[in-house]
Amino acid sequence: MPMRTNRLRIIVVIAVLVVIGTVLGNAAAQKASVPKPQNKLAMGEDGIKQLLPLMNTDTKGMISKQEFIKFMEAEFERLDKSKKGELNVKELTQSSLTASRFAGK
């Protein structure tokens, strides 16, 4: 009888270890599939790089902070169709609006 009890304990311990291993394995797999958060400023870098040639009004290849701000203000005004002083992110991301080649000039 004690031998049967030991076998049963061993089987239960093995079953528990298998369940724990499965749960931990699933948790690790789920954690690995979650993308790492990215720096929001770095995410916008590609968009700014595309706008830089439009901001370069003097064609010297350099953009001053004033040129940058002037361009961004002009684009904001152009996109603010309701003239409320705020932009609706959802509407803009779903629209076909593009950067104006002549904004800020």
Protein backbone atom coordinates (compact mmCIF):
# COMPACT_ATOMS: atom_id res chain seq x y z
CA MET A 1 0.00 0.00 0.00
CA PRO A 2 2.76 2.54 0.80
CA MET A 3 4.31 1.83 -2.62
CA ARG A 4 1.03 2.70 -4.31
CA THR A 5 0.83 5.95 -2.33
CA ASN A 6 4.37 6.87 -3.40
CA ARG A 7 3.57 6.16 -7.04
CA LEU A 8 0.43 8.27 -6.80
CA ARG A 9 2.43 11.14 -5.23
CA ILE A 10 5.05 10.89 -7.97
CA ILE A 11 2.36 10.95 -10.68
CA VAL A 12 0.68 13.96 -9.05
CA VAL A 13 4.02 15.80 -8.73
CA ILE A 14 4.84 15.11 -12.39
CA ALA A 15 1.38 16.28 -13.47
CA VAL A 16 1.74 19.49 -11.44
CA LEU A 17 5.19 20.14 -12.93
CA VAL A 18 3.83 19.63 -16.45
CA VAL A 19 0.97 22.06 -15.79
CA ILE A 20 3.32 24.66 -14.28
CA GLY A 21 5.71 24.29 -17.22
CA THR A 22 2.87 24.74 -19.68
CA VAL A 23 1.53 27.82 -17.92
CA LEU A 24 4.99 29.41 -17.68
CA GLY A 25 5.72 28.55 -21.31
CA ASN A 26 2.48 30.15 -22.46
CA ALA A 27 3.14 33.26 -20.38
CA ALA A 28 6.62 33.60 -21.85
CA ALA A 29 5.30 33.15 -25.38
CA GLN A 30 2.63 35.81 -24.85
CA LYS A 31 5.13 38.24 -23.36
CA ALA A 32 7.51 37.71 -26.30
CA SER A 33 4.77 38.50 -28.83
CA VAL A 34 3.95 41.89 -27.27
CA PRO A 35 5.79 44.63 -29.18
CA LYS A 36 8.06 46.87 -27.16
CA PRO A 37 6.82 50.43 -26.72
CA GLN A 38 8.57 52.84 -29.06
CA ASN A 39 9.67 56.37 -28.52
CA LYS A 40 6.90 58.52 -30.04
CA LEU A 41 9.35 61.22 -31.12
CA ALA A 42 11.47 58.66 -32.94
CA MET A 43 8.35 57.30 -34.64
CA GLY A 44 7.65 60.74 -36.15
CA GLU A 45 11.18 61.13 -37.46
CA ASP A 46 10.43 59.64 -40.90
CA GLY A 47 7.54 62.04 -41.42
CA ILE A 48 9.69 65.03 -40.49
CA LYS A 49 12.44 63.86 -42.84
CA GLN A 50 9.91 63.92 -45.68
CA LEU A 51 8.84 67.46 -44.75
CA LEU A 52 12.35 68.92 -44.45
CA PRO A 53 12.77 69.59 -48.20
CA LEU A 54 9.48 71.53 -48.12
CA MET A 55 10.72 73.65 -45.22
CA ASN A 56 13.99 74.51 -46.92
CA THR A 57 12.79 77.77 -48.49
CA ASP A 58 16.24 79.26 -49.09
CA THR A 59 17.61 76.04 -50.68
CA LYS A 60 20.84 76.33 -48.66
CA GLY A 61 20.23 72.91 -47.20
CA MET A 62 19.82 74.28 -43.68
CA ILE A 63 16.55 74.86 -41.81
CA SER A 64 16.42 77.28 -38.92
CA LYS A 65 14.19 76.75 -35.93
CA GLN A 66 12.15 79.75 -37.12
CA GLU A 67 11.63 78.15 -40.57
CA PHE A 68 10.62 74.88 -38.93
CA ILE A 69 8.12 76.56 -36.58
CA LYS A 70 6.74 78.79 -39.38
CA PHE A 71 6.14 75.75 -41.59
CA MET A 72 4.49 73.74 -38.82
CA GLU A 73 2.25 76.70 -37.87
CA ALA A 74 1.18 77.15 -41.51
CA GLU A 75 0.42 73.42 -41.81
CA PHE A 76 -1.57 73.53 -38.58
CA GLU A 77 -3.61 76.48 -39.88
CA ARG A 78 -4.17 74.72 -43.20
CA LEU A 79 -5.35 71.51 -41.51
CA ASP A 80 -7.54 73.33 -38.96
CA LYS A 81 -10.52 73.59 -41.32
CA SER A 82 -12.93 74.55 -38.51
CA LYS A 83 -10.53 77.27 -37.24
CA LYS A 84 -11.01 76.10 -33.64
CA GLY A 85 -7.30 76.04 -32.90
CA GLU A 86 -7.22 72.26 -32.54
CA LEU A 87 -6.85 69.28 -34.84
CA ASN A 88 -8.90 66.09 -34.72
CA VAL A 89 -6.30 63.31 -34.87
CA LYS A 90 -8.81 60.65 -35.87
CA GLU A 91 -10.14 62.71 -38.79
CA LEU A 92 -6.66 63.62 -40.02
CA THR A 93 -5.26 60.11 -39.88
CA GLN A 94 -8.23 58.83 -41.88
CA SER A 95 -8.18 61.60 -44.48
CA SER A 96 -6.19 61.89 -47.68
CA LEU A 97 -4.68 65.26 -46.73
CA THR A 98 -1.00 65.66 -47.46
CA ALA A 99 1.60 68.24 -46.56
CA SER A 100 1.29 71.41 -48.58
CA ARG A 101 4.29 72.12 -50.76
CA PHE A 102 3.62 75.85 -50.43
CA ALA A 103 2.84 76.12 -46.73
CA GLY A 104 5.03 78.54 -44.88
CA LYS A 105 6.18 80.38 -48.02
